[in-house]
Amino acid sequence: MHKPSNISGDPRRVMIFLVGLPGSGKSTVGRQLGRRLRIPFVDSDQAIEMRLGCTIRTFFEREGEAAFREVEAQVIDGLTLDGPRILATGGGAVLRSETRRNLRERGYVVYLKSQPEELLRRVRNDAKRPLLQVADPLQRLRDLFALRDPLYHEVAHCTVETGRPSVGNLVQSVVSQLTLHGIIDPQHPPGTDGAA
């Protein structure tokens, strides 16, 4: 896998983007990874809600998915322009080709891959996820997986299977991939030379 051109050789601008289905652990892993590497962490859904002035679910219900995806694409475009940063993206961010291109070209993309049955166990009681407020959330997750899994693979520089390991083990798996591909030097974390 090639290293994204804009971050090679400049540890102050390391950009790490996490993609995956709802409940795959992007925010949890991203937050811990940010602490470990001393890189600022941003959750795109939180940034979107700040811009909208309401919850994503409320906006989704009021304006529909197409309007939400437009705002999401604009917010992610801005968040991928300057680093260092670890960015957890929403599960559907990869649906737009320009967003996939921006993610892949501007940073190192990690796909946190989870099976639908495992995801349901994690998100079963989460009422904040508009796409899962349906009679059969498992079938919805299976449909989302079938549609999005190829797109996650298309955009990702590496894939980490989430399964049931602890958050610490998942973070270590991501760090190992980042080290293997020369994105970070564990002896000199990106956030240590005053860039934050």
N, C-alpha and C. Protein backbone atom coordinates (compact mmCIF):
# COMPACT_ATOMS: atom_id res chain seq x y z
N MET A 1 0.85 -1.19 0.00
CA MET A 1 0.00 0.00 0.00
C MET A 1 0.89 1.25 0.00
N HIS A 2 0.51 2.25 -0.81
CA HIS A 2 1.32 3.47 -0.84
C HIS A 2 0.97 4.35 0.35
N LYS A 3 1.95 5.15 0.72
CA LYS A 3 1.76 6.09 1.81
C LYS A 3 1.17 7.38 1.22
N PRO A 4 0.15 7.97 1.85
CA PRO A 4 -0.40 9.22 1.33
C PRO A 4 0.69 10.27 1.20
N SER A 5 0.74 10.94 0.05
CA SER A 5 1.86 11.83 -0.25
C SER A 5 1.95 13.02 0.69
N ASN A 6 0.82 13.51 1.18
CA ASN A 6 0.88 14.76 1.93
C ASN A 6 1.41 14.59 3.34
N ILE A 7 1.54 13.37 3.85
CA ILE A 7 2.03 13.22 5.21
C ILE A 7 3.38 12.55 5.29
N SER A 8 3.88 12.06 4.15
CA SER A 8 5.18 11.39 4.21
C SER A 8 6.27 12.41 4.52
N GLY A 9 7.10 12.06 5.47
CA GLY A 9 8.24 12.90 5.79
C GLY A 9 7.95 14.08 6.69
N ASP A 10 6.70 14.30 7.06
CA ASP A 10 6.39 15.43 7.93
C ASP A 10 5.52 14.96 9.09
N PRO A 11 6.15 14.54 10.19
CA PRO A 11 5.38 14.00 11.31
C PRO A 11 4.44 15.00 11.94
N ARG A 12 4.65 16.30 11.71
CA ARG A 12 3.75 17.30 12.29
C ARG A 12 2.40 17.33 11.59
N ARG A 13 2.29 16.69 10.42
CA ARG A 13 1.03 16.75 9.68
C ARG A 13 0.38 15.38 9.56
N VAL A 14 0.71 14.46 10.42
CA VAL A 14 0.13 13.12 10.34
C VAL A 14 -1.40 13.19 10.40
N MET A 15 -2.03 12.58 9.43
CA MET A 15 -3.49 12.53 9.35
C MET A 15 -3.91 11.07 9.32
N ILE A 16 -4.69 10.65 10.32
CA ILE A 16 -5.16 9.27 10.40
C ILE A 16 -6.67 9.31 10.43
N PHE A 17 -7.30 8.63 9.45
CA PHE A 17 -8.75 8.66 9.33
C PHE A 17 -9.30 7.25 9.58
N LEU A 18 -10.31 7.16 10.44
CA LEU A 18 -10.92 5.88 10.77
C LEU A 18 -12.27 5.77 10.08
N VAL A 19 -12.48 4.65 9.37
CA VAL A 19 -13.75 4.40 8.70
C VAL A 19 -14.29 3.06 9.16
N GLY A 20 -15.59 2.87 9.00
CA GLY A 20 -16.23 1.62 9.40
C GLY A 20 -17.70 1.84 9.69
N LEU A 21 -18.42 0.75 9.85
CA LEU A 21 -19.86 0.82 10.11
C LEU A 21 -20.15 1.42 11.48
N PRO A 22 -21.40 1.85 11.71
CA PRO A 22 -21.79 2.35 13.03
C PRO A 22 -21.53 1.30 14.10
N GLY A 23 -20.86 1.70 15.17
CA GLY A 23 -20.59 0.77 16.26
C GLY A 23 -19.29 0.00 16.13
N SER A 24 -18.50 0.30 15.08
CA SER A 24 -17.26 -0.45 14.88
C SER A 24 -16.14 0.02 15.81
N GLY A 25 -16.35 1.12 16.53
CA GLY A 25 -15.37 1.57 17.51
C GLY A 25 -14.51 2.73 17.06
N LYS A 26 -14.92 3.43 16.01
CA LYS A 26 -14.09 4.50 15.46
C LYS A 26 -13.81 5.59 16.49
N SER A 27 -14.86 6.05 17.18
CA SER A 27 -14.66 7.13 18.16
C SER A 27 -13.87 6.65 19.37
N THR A 28 -14.20 5.48 19.86
CA THR A 28 -13.52 4.95 21.05
C THR A 28 -12.05 4.69 20.76
N VAL A 29 -11.77 4.01 19.64
CA VAL A 29 -10.39 3.73 19.27
C VAL A 29 -9.65 5.03 18.93
N GLY A 30 -10.32 5.93 18.20
CA GLY A 30 -9.69 7.19 17.82
C GLY A 30 -9.28 8.03 19.02
N ARG A 31 -10.15 8.10 20.02
CA ARG A 31 -9.85 8.87 21.22
C ARG A 31 -8.62 8.30 21.93
N GLN A 32 -8.59 6.97 22.10
CA GLN A 32 -7.46 6.31 22.78
C GLN A 32 -6.18 6.44 21.95
N LEU A 33 -6.32 6.31 20.64
CA LEU A 33 -5.16 6.43 19.75
C LEU A 33 -4.59 7.85 19.84
N GLY A 34 -5.47 8.84 19.89
CA GLY A 34 -5.03 10.22 20.01
C GLY A 34 -4.24 10.46 21.29
N ARG A 35 -4.75 9.88 22.40
CA ARG A 35 -4.03 10.02 23.67
C ARG A 35 -2.67 9.34 23.59
N ARG A 36 -2.65 8.16 23.01
CA ARG A 36 -1.41 7.39 22.94
C ARG A 36 -0.35 8.09 22.08
N LEU A 37 -0.79 8.63 20.94
CA LEU A 37 0.16 9.26 20.01
C LEU A 37 0.31 10.76 20.22
N ARG A 38 -0.48 11.29 21.15
CA ARG A 38 -0.48 12.73 21.41
C ARG A 38 -0.81 13.53 20.15
N ILE A 39 -1.87 13.09 19.49
CA ILE A 39 -2.39 13.76 18.29
C ILE A 39 -3.85 14.14 18.60
N PRO A 40 -4.28 15.34 18.25
CA PRO A 40 -5.67 15.73 18.50
C PRO A 40 -6.65 14.78 17.81
N PHE A 41 -7.74 14.45 18.52
CA PHE A 41 -8.79 13.58 17.98
C PHE A 41 -10.03 14.40 17.69
N VAL A 42 -10.65 14.13 16.54
CA VAL A 42 -11.90 14.79 16.17
C VAL A 42 -12.89 13.73 15.71
N ASP A 43 -14.12 13.85 16.19
CA ASP A 43 -15.21 12.98 15.74
C ASP A 43 -16.03 13.79 14.74
N SER A 44 -16.11 13.34 13.50
CA SER A 44 -16.80 14.14 12.47
C SER A 44 -18.27 14.33 12.81
N ASP A 45 -18.91 13.34 13.44
CA ASP A 45 -20.32 13.50 13.80
C ASP A 45 -20.52 14.66 14.79
N GLN A 46 -19.61 14.78 15.75
CA GLN A 46 -19.70 15.89 16.70
C GLN A 46 -19.49 17.23 16.00
N ALA A 47 -18.54 17.26 15.07
CA ALA A 47 -18.28 18.49 14.30
C ALA A 47 -19.50 18.86 13.46
N ILE A 48 -20.15 17.86 12.88
CA ILE A 48 -21.35 18.09 12.07
C ILE A 48 -22.47 18.65 12.95
N GLU A 49 -22.66 18.08 14.13
CA GLU A 49 -23.72 18.55 15.02
C GLU A 49 -23.46 19.99 15.47
N MET A 50 -22.20 20.32 15.69
CA MET A 50 -21.86 21.71 16.04
C MET A 50 -22.26 22.65 14.89
N ARG A 51 -21.99 22.22 13.68
CA ARG A 51 -22.33 23.06 12.51
C ARG A 51 -23.85 23.16 12.33
N LEU A 52 -24.55 22.04 12.53
CA LEU A 52 -26.00 22.03 12.32
C LEU A 52 -26.76 22.74 13.43
N GLY A 53 -26.20 22.70 14.64
CA GLY A 53 -26.90 23.25 15.78
C GLY A 53 -28.00 22.35 16.30
N CYS A 54 -27.96 21.08 15.90
CA CYS A 54 -28.93 20.09 16.38
C CYS A 54 -28.30 18.72 16.23
N THR A 55 -28.98 17.68 16.72
CA THR A 55 -28.44 16.33 16.58
C THR A 55 -28.57 15.87 15.13
N ILE A 56 -27.71 14.93 14.76
CA ILE A 56 -27.80 14.36 13.42
C ILE A 56 -29.15 13.70 13.21
N ARG A 57 -29.65 13.01 14.25
CA ARG A 57 -30.95 12.34 14.12
C ARG A 57 -32.05 13.35 13.81
N THR A 58 -32.05 14.48 14.52
CA THR A 58 -33.07 15.51 14.28
C THR A 58 -32.97 16.05 12.86
N PHE A 59 -31.74 16.35 12.42
CA PHE A 59 -31.54 16.87 11.06
C PHE A 59 -31.97 15.84 10.02
N PHE A 60 -31.59 14.58 10.27
CA PHE A 60 -31.93 13.46 9.38
C PHE A 60 -33.44 13.39 9.20
N GLU A 61 -34.17 13.44 10.32
CA GLU A 61 -35.63 13.32 10.27
C GLU A 61 -36.27 14.52 9.58
N ARG A 62 -35.68 15.70 9.78
CA ARG A 62 -36.26 16.93 9.24
C ARG A 62 -35.91 17.14 7.77
N GLU A 63 -34.64 16.88 7.40
CA GLU A 63 -34.16 17.24 6.06
C GLU A 63 -33.90 16.05 5.13
N GLY A 64 -33.75 14.85 5.73
CA GLY A 64 -33.49 13.67 4.91
C GLY A 64 -32.01 13.33 4.77
N GLU A 65 -31.73 12.13 4.27
CA GLU A 65 -30.35 11.66 4.19
C GLU A 65 -29.52 12.43 3.18
N ALA A 66 -30.11 12.79 2.03
CA ALA A 66 -29.32 13.47 0.99
C ALA A 66 -28.77 14.80 1.51
N ALA A 67 -29.60 15.55 2.23
CA ALA A 67 -29.15 16.84 2.77
C ALA A 67 -28.07 16.62 3.82
N PHE A 68 -28.24 15.57 4.62
CA PHE A 68 -27.23 15.28 5.64
C PHE A 68 -25.90 14.93 4.98
N ARG A 69 -25.92 14.09 3.94
CA ARG A 69 -24.68 13.68 3.28
C ARG A 69 -23.95 14.87 2.68
N GLU A 70 -24.69 15.88 2.22
CA GLU A 70 -24.06 17.08 1.67
C GLU A 70 -23.29 17.82 2.76
N VAL A 71 -23.94 18.01 3.91
CA VAL A 71 -23.26 18.69 5.02
C VAL A 71 -22.07 17.86 5.49
N GLU A 72 -22.27 16.55 5.61
CA GLU A 72 -21.20 15.66 6.05
C GLU A 72 -19.97 15.78 5.15
N ALA A 73 -20.20 15.79 3.83
CA ALA A 73 -19.09 15.88 2.88
C ALA A 73 -18.33 17.20 3.06
N GLN A 74 -19.06 18.29 3.27
CA GLN A 74 -18.42 19.60 3.45
C GLN A 74 -17.58 19.63 4.73
N VAL A 75 -18.14 19.10 5.82
CA VAL A 75 -17.43 19.11 7.10
C VAL A 75 -16.17 18.25 7.01
N ILE A 76 -16.29 17.05 6.43
CA ILE A 76 -15.13 16.17 6.34
C ILE A 76 -14.07 16.76 5.41
N ASP A 77 -14.50 17.43 4.36
CA ASP A 77 -13.54 18.09 3.47
C ASP A 77 -12.68 19.06 4.28
N GLY A 78 -13.31 19.86 5.13
CA GLY A 78 -12.56 20.81 5.95
C GLY A 78 -11.68 20.14 6.98
N LEU A 79 -12.18 19.07 7.59
CA LEU A 79 -11.43 18.40 8.66
C LEU A 79 -10.22 17.62 8.15
N THR A 80 -10.18 17.33 6.85
CA THR A 80 -9.07 16.55 6.31
C THR A 80 -7.97 17.41 5.72
N LEU A 81 -8.08 18.73 5.87
CA LEU A 81 -7.11 19.62 5.22
C LEU A 81 -5.90 19.96 6.06
N ASP A 82 -5.99 19.82 7.38
CA ASP A 82 -4.88 20.27 8.20
C ASP A 82 -4.68 19.33 9.38
N GLY A 83 -3.43 19.06 9.70
CA GLY A 83 -3.14 18.13 10.77
C GLY A 83 -2.11 18.68 11.71
N PRO A 84 -1.63 17.89 12.65
CA PRO A 84 -1.93 16.46 12.77
C PRO A 84 -3.34 16.25 13.33
N ARG A 85 -3.94 15.13 12.96
CA ARG A 85 -5.30 14.87 13.40
C ARG A 85 -5.62 13.38 13.24
N ILE A 86 -6.39 12.88 14.21
CA ILE A 86 -7.05 11.58 14.06
C ILE A 86 -8.52 11.89 13.92
N LEU A 87 -9.13 11.41 12.84
CA LEU A 87 -10.51 11.73 12.53
C LEU A 87 -11.34 10.45 12.45
N ALA A 88 -12.37 10.37 13.30
CA ALA A 88 -13.36 9.29 13.20
C ALA A 88 -14.48 9.79 12.30
N THR A 89 -14.73 9.11 11.21
CA THR A 89 -15.77 9.52 10.27
C THR A 89 -17.07 8.78 10.57
N GLY A 90 -18.18 9.35 10.10
CA GLY A 90 -19.46 8.66 10.20
C GLY A 90 -19.46 7.44 9.29
N GLY A 91 -20.31 6.47 9.62
CA GLY A 91 -20.34 5.21 8.87
C GLY A 91 -20.62 5.37 7.39
N GLY A 92 -21.40 6.41 7.02
CA GLY A 92 -21.75 6.58 5.62
C GLY A 92 -20.90 7.60 4.88
N ALA A 93 -19.85 8.09 5.50
CA ALA A 93 -19.01 9.11 4.86
C ALA A 93 -18.43 8.63 3.53
N VAL A 94 -18.21 7.32 3.41
CA VAL A 94 -17.58 6.79 2.20
C VAL A 94 -18.52 6.67 1.01
N LEU A 95 -19.79 7.02 1.20
CA LEU A 95 -20.76 6.87 0.10
C LEU A 95 -20.48 7.84 -1.04
N ARG A 96 -19.86 8.97 -0.73
CA ARG A 96 -19.56 9.96 -1.77
C ARG A 96 -18.14 9.75 -2.30
N SER A 97 -18.02 9.70 -3.62
CA SER A 97 -16.72 9.41 -4.22
C SER A 97 -15.69 10.48 -3.90
N GLU A 98 -16.13 11.76 -3.83
CA GLU A 98 -15.14 12.82 -3.54
C GLU A 98 -14.63 12.71 -2.11
N THR A 99 -15.49 12.27 -1.20
CA THR A 99 -15.04 12.09 0.19
C THR A 99 -14.06 10.94 0.27
N ARG A 100 -14.34 9.85 -0.44
CA ARG A 100 -13.40 8.72 -0.46
C ARG A 100 -12.05 9.18 -1.00
N ARG A 101 -12.07 9.94 -2.06
CA ARG A 101 -10.82 10.41 -2.67
C ARG A 101 -10.06 11.32 -1.69
N ASN A 102 -10.78 12.25 -1.05
CA ASN A 102 -10.12 13.15 -0.10
C ASN A 102 -9.51 12.38 1.07
N LEU A 103 -10.24 11.43 1.61
CA LEU A 103 -9.72 10.65 2.72
C LEU A 103 -8.45 9.91 2.31
N ARG A 104 -8.51 9.24 1.17
CA ARG A 104 -7.37 8.41 0.76
C ARG A 104 -6.15 9.24 0.39
N GLU A 105 -6.37 10.40 -0.21
CA GLU A 105 -5.24 11.23 -0.66
C GLU A 105 -4.66 12.10 0.44
N ARG A 106 -5.46 12.44 1.45
CA ARG A 106 -5.01 13.40 2.45
C ARG A 106 -4.53 12.76 3.75
N GLY A 107 -4.69 11.47 3.89
CA GLY A 107 -4.26 10.84 5.13
C GLY A 107 -4.15 9.34 5.00
N TYR A 108 -3.91 8.71 6.13
CA TYR A 108 -3.80 7.24 6.18
C TYR A 108 -5.12 6.72 6.74
N VAL A 109 -5.81 5.88 5.95
CA VAL A 109 -7.16 5.43 6.29
C VAL A 109 -7.13 4.01 6.87
N VAL A 110 -7.72 3.88 8.06
CA VAL A 110 -7.82 2.59 8.73
C VAL A 110 -9.29 2.16 8.74
N TYR A 111 -9.56 0.99 8.20
CA TYR A 111 -10.92 0.43 8.20
C TYR A 111 -11.05 -0.48 9.42
N LEU A 112 -11.89 -0.09 10.37
CA LEU A 112 -12.20 -0.95 11.51
C LEU A 112 -13.37 -1.83 11.09
N LYS A 113 -13.06 -3.08 10.77
CA LYS A 113 -14.05 -3.98 10.18
C LYS A 113 -14.73 -4.83 11.24
N SER A 114 -16.06 -4.74 11.29
CA SER A 114 -16.85 -5.52 12.24
C SER A 114 -17.97 -6.22 11.49
N GLN A 115 -18.34 -7.41 11.94
CA GLN A 115 -19.45 -8.14 11.35
C GLN A 115 -20.77 -7.60 11.89
N PRO A 116 -21.84 -7.66 11.10
CA PRO A 116 -23.14 -7.10 11.52
C PRO A 116 -23.63 -7.63 12.87
N GLU A 117 -23.44 -8.92 13.14
CA GLU A 117 -23.92 -9.48 14.41
C GLU A 117 -23.18 -8.86 15.59
N GLU A 118 -21.90 -8.62 15.43
CA GLU A 118 -21.10 -8.00 16.49
C GLU A 118 -21.52 -6.54 16.67
N LEU A 119 -21.78 -5.87 15.57
CA LEU A 119 -22.21 -4.48 15.63
C LEU A 119 -23.53 -4.34 16.37
N LEU A 120 -24.46 -5.25 16.09
CA LEU A 120 -25.77 -5.17 16.74
C LEU A 120 -25.62 -5.28 18.25
N ARG A 121 -24.73 -6.14 18.70
CA ARG A 121 -24.50 -6.30 20.13
C ARG A 121 -24.07 -4.98 20.76
N ARG A 122 -23.28 -4.20 20.00
CA ARG A 122 -22.75 -2.94 20.53
C ARG A 122 -23.73 -1.78 20.45
N VAL A 123 -24.56 -1.75 19.41
CA VAL A 123 -25.40 -0.56 19.18
C VAL A 123 -26.88 -0.80 19.46
N ARG A 124 -27.22 -1.97 19.93
CA ARG A 124 -28.62 -2.36 20.13
C ARG A 124 -29.44 -1.28 20.86
N ASN A 125 -28.86 -0.65 21.89
CA ASN A 125 -29.62 0.30 22.70
C ASN A 125 -29.27 1.76 22.42
N ASP A 126 -28.63 2.01 21.28
CA ASP A 126 -28.22 3.38 20.94
C ASP A 126 -29.28 4.03 20.05
N ALA A 127 -30.08 4.90 20.63
CA ALA A 127 -31.18 5.53 19.89
C ALA A 127 -30.70 6.71 19.03
N LYS A 128 -29.41 7.05 19.10
CA LYS A 128 -28.92 8.21 18.36
C LYS A 128 -28.58 7.89 16.91
N ARG A 129 -28.65 6.64 16.52
CA ARG A 129 -28.25 6.26 15.15
C ARG A 129 -29.49 6.15 14.26
N PRO A 130 -29.74 7.18 13.43
CA PRO A 130 -31.00 7.22 12.67
C PRO A 130 -31.19 6.05 11.72
N LEU A 131 -30.13 5.55 11.11
CA LEU A 131 -30.30 4.47 10.14
C LEU A 131 -30.67 3.14 10.80
N LEU A 132 -30.51 3.05 12.12
CA LEU A 132 -30.80 1.79 12.80
C LEU A 132 -32.13 1.81 13.54
N GLN A 133 -32.90 2.88 13.38
CA GLN A 133 -34.21 2.96 14.03
C GLN A 133 -35.25 2.30 13.13
N VAL A 134 -35.11 0.97 13.00
CA VAL A 134 -35.97 0.18 12.12
C VAL A 134 -36.41 -1.08 12.87
N ALA A 135 -37.39 -1.78 12.28
CA ALA A 135 -37.93 -2.98 12.94
C ALA A 135 -36.90 -4.09 13.05
N ASP A 136 -36.02 -4.20 12.04
CA ASP A 136 -35.02 -5.28 12.03
C ASP A 136 -33.62 -4.68 11.86
N PRO A 137 -33.04 -4.19 12.98
CA PRO A 137 -31.72 -3.54 12.86
C PRO A 137 -30.63 -4.48 12.36
N LEU A 138 -30.70 -5.78 12.67
CA LEU A 138 -29.67 -6.71 12.18
C LEU A 138 -29.69 -6.77 10.66
N GLN A 139 -30.89 -6.86 10.08
CA GLN A 139 -30.96 -6.89 8.62
C GLN A 139 -30.46 -5.58 8.03
N ARG A 140 -30.77 -4.46 8.70
CA ARG A 140 -30.27 -3.18 8.22
C ARG A 140 -28.75 -3.15 8.25
N LEU A 141 -28.14 -3.67 9.34
CA LEU A 141 -26.68 -3.72 9.43
C LEU A 141 -26.09 -4.62 8.36
N ARG A 142 -26.77 -5.73 8.08
CA ARG A 142 -26.29 -6.62 7.00
C ARG A 142 -26.34 -5.93 5.65
N ASP A 143 -27.43 -5.17 5.43
CA ASP A 143 -27.55 -4.43 4.17
C ASP A 143 -26.47 -3.35 4.06
N LEU A 144 -26.25 -2.63 5.17
CA LEU A 144 -25.22 -1.60 5.18
C LEU A 144 -23.84 -2.21 4.94
N PHE A 145 -23.58 -3.36 5.57
CA PHE A 145 -22.29 -4.03 5.39
C PHE A 145 -22.10 -4.41 3.92
N ALA A 146 -23.13 -4.99 3.30
CA ALA A 146 -23.03 -5.42 1.90
C ALA A 146 -22.73 -4.22 0.98
N LEU A 147 -23.35 -3.09 1.28
CA LEU A 147 -23.17 -1.91 0.45
C LEU A 147 -21.83 -1.21 0.70
N ARG A 148 -21.46 -1.09 1.97
CA ARG A 148 -20.32 -0.24 2.32
C ARG A 148 -18.99 -0.95 2.44
N ASP A 149 -18.99 -2.24 2.75
CA ASP A 149 -17.72 -2.96 2.93
C ASP A 149 -16.78 -2.77 1.73
N PRO A 150 -17.27 -2.90 0.48
CA PRO A 150 -16.36 -2.68 -0.66
C PRO A 150 -15.83 -1.25 -0.70
N LEU A 151 -16.63 -0.27 -0.27
CA LEU A 151 -16.19 1.13 -0.29
C LEU A 151 -15.14 1.38 0.79
N TYR A 152 -15.32 0.75 1.97
CA TYR A 152 -14.31 0.87 3.02
C TYR A 152 -12.98 0.28 2.54
N HIS A 153 -13.06 -0.87 1.89
CA HIS A 153 -11.82 -1.49 1.38
C HIS A 153 -11.17 -0.63 0.30
N GLU A 154 -12.00 0.01 -0.52
CA GLU A 154 -11.47 0.87 -1.59
C GLU A 154 -10.68 2.04 -1.02
N VAL A 155 -11.18 2.63 0.06
CA VAL A 155 -10.55 3.84 0.60
C VAL A 155 -9.43 3.54 1.58
N ALA A 156 -9.44 2.36 2.20
CA ALA A 156 -8.53 2.07 3.31
C ALA A 156 -7.12 1.72 2.86
N HIS A 157 -6.14 2.19 3.64
CA HIS A 157 -4.76 1.77 3.46
C HIS A 157 -4.50 0.48 4.24
N CYS A 158 -5.28 0.23 5.29
CA CYS A 158 -5.18 -1.03 6.02
C CYS A 158 -6.52 -1.34 6.67
N THR A 159 -6.73 -2.61 6.99
CA THR A 159 -7.96 -3.07 7.63
C THR A 159 -7.60 -3.75 8.94
N VAL A 160 -8.32 -3.39 10.00
CA VAL A 160 -8.14 -4.03 11.31
C VAL A 160 -9.47 -4.66 11.69
N GLU A 161 -9.48 -5.98 11.84
CA GLU A 161 -10.69 -6.69 12.25
C GLU A 161 -10.93 -6.42 13.73
N THR A 162 -12.13 -5.95 14.07
CA THR A 162 -12.37 -5.59 15.46
C THR A 162 -12.74 -6.80 16.32
N GLY A 163 -13.63 -7.66 15.85
CA GLY A 163 -14.00 -8.84 16.64
C GLY A 163 -14.37 -8.45 18.05
N ARG A 164 -13.77 -9.14 19.05
CA ARG A 164 -14.07 -8.83 20.45
C ARG A 164 -12.85 -8.43 21.27
N PRO A 165 -11.75 -8.02 20.69
CA PRO A 165 -10.61 -7.64 21.53
C PRO A 165 -10.90 -6.36 22.30
N SER A 166 -10.10 -6.12 23.33
CA SER A 166 -10.25 -4.91 24.12
C SER A 166 -9.88 -3.70 23.27
N VAL A 167 -10.32 -2.52 23.73
CA VAL A 167 -9.96 -1.28 23.03
C VAL A 167 -8.45 -1.14 22.97
N GLY A 168 -7.77 -1.46 24.08
CA GLY A 168 -6.31 -1.37 24.10
C GLY A 168 -5.66 -2.23 23.04
N ASN A 169 -6.18 -3.43 22.84
CA ASN A 169 -5.62 -4.31 21.81
C ASN A 169 -5.90 -3.78 20.41
N LEU A 170 -7.08 -3.19 20.22
CA LEU A 170 -7.39 -2.61 18.91
C LEU A 170 -6.47 -1.43 18.61
N VAL A 171 -6.26 -0.60 19.62
CA VAL A 171 -5.36 0.55 19.44
C VAL A 171 -3.96 0.05 19.09
N GLN A 172 -3.50 -0.98 19.77
CA GLN A 172 -2.18 -1.52 19.49
C GLN A 172 -2.10 -2.06 18.06
N SER A 173 -3.18 -2.70 17.59
CA SER A 173 -3.21 -3.21 16.21
C SER A 173 -3.10 -2.07 15.21
N VAL A 174 -3.79 -0.96 15.49
CA VAL A 174 -3.71 0.20 14.60
C VAL A 174 -2.31 0.79 14.63
N VAL A 175 -1.74 0.94 15.83
CA VAL A 175 -0.37 1.48 15.96
C VAL A 175 0.61 0.61 15.19
N SER A 176 0.44 -0.71 15.27
CA SER A 176 1.34 -1.63 14.54
C SER A 176 1.26 -1.38 13.04
N GLN A 177 0.04 -1.18 12.51
CA GLN A 177 -0.12 -0.91 11.08
C GLN A 177 0.51 0.44 10.70
N LEU A 178 0.30 1.44 11.55
CA LEU A 178 0.86 2.77 11.27
C LEU A 178 2.39 2.72 11.26
N THR A 179 2.95 1.93 12.17
CA THR A 179 4.40 1.78 12.24
C THR A 179 4.91 1.01 11.03
N LEU A 180 4.23 -0.07 10.71
CA LEU A 180 4.62 -0.92 9.58
C LEU A 180 4.67 -0.12 8.28
N HIS A 181 3.70 0.78 8.08
CA HIS A 181 3.63 1.55 6.85
C HIS A 181 4.40 2.86 6.91
N GLY A 182 5.15 3.07 8.01
CA GLY A 182 6.00 4.26 8.09
C GLY A 182 5.26 5.56 8.35
N ILE A 183 4.02 5.46 8.83
CA ILE A 183 3.24 6.67 9.09
C ILE A 183 3.69 7.32 10.40
N ILE A 184 4.01 6.50 11.38
CA ILE A 184 4.50 7.03 12.65
C ILE A 184 5.79 6.32 13.04
N ASP A 185 6.56 7.00 13.84
CA ASP A 185 7.74 6.42 14.48
C ASP A 185 7.41 6.36 15.97
N PRO A 186 7.18 5.16 16.52
CA PRO A 186 6.77 5.07 17.91
C PRO A 186 7.76 5.69 18.89
N GLN A 187 9.02 5.84 18.47
CA GLN A 187 10.01 6.48 19.34
C GLN A 187 9.84 7.99 19.38
N HIS A 188 9.20 8.54 18.33
CA HIS A 188 9.00 10.00 18.25
C HIS A 188 7.56 10.28 17.81
N PRO A 189 6.61 10.19 18.72
CA PRO A 189 5.20 10.40 18.36
C PRO A 189 4.99 11.76 17.69
N PRO A 190 4.06 11.83 16.73
CA PRO A 190 3.87 13.04 15.94
C PRO A 190 3.55 14.28 16.75
N GLY A 191 2.90 14.15 17.89
CA GLY A 191 2.48 15.33 18.63
C GLY A 191 3.53 15.89 19.55
N THR A 192 4.78 15.41 19.49
CA THR A 192 5.77 15.81 20.48
C THR A 192 6.62 17.00 20.07
N ASP A 193 6.57 17.44 18.79
CA ASP A 193 7.40 18.59 18.48
C ASP A 193 6.61 19.88 18.43
N GLY A 194 5.65 20.01 19.34
CA GLY A 194 4.96 21.27 19.48
C GLY A 194 3.80 21.47 18.52
N ALA A 195 3.56 20.50 17.64
CA ALA A 195 2.45 20.66 16.70
C ALA A 195 1.23 19.99 17.25
N ALA A 196 0.21 20.72 17.54
CA ALA A 196 -1.04 20.15 18.02
C ALA A 196 -2.15 21.05 17.63
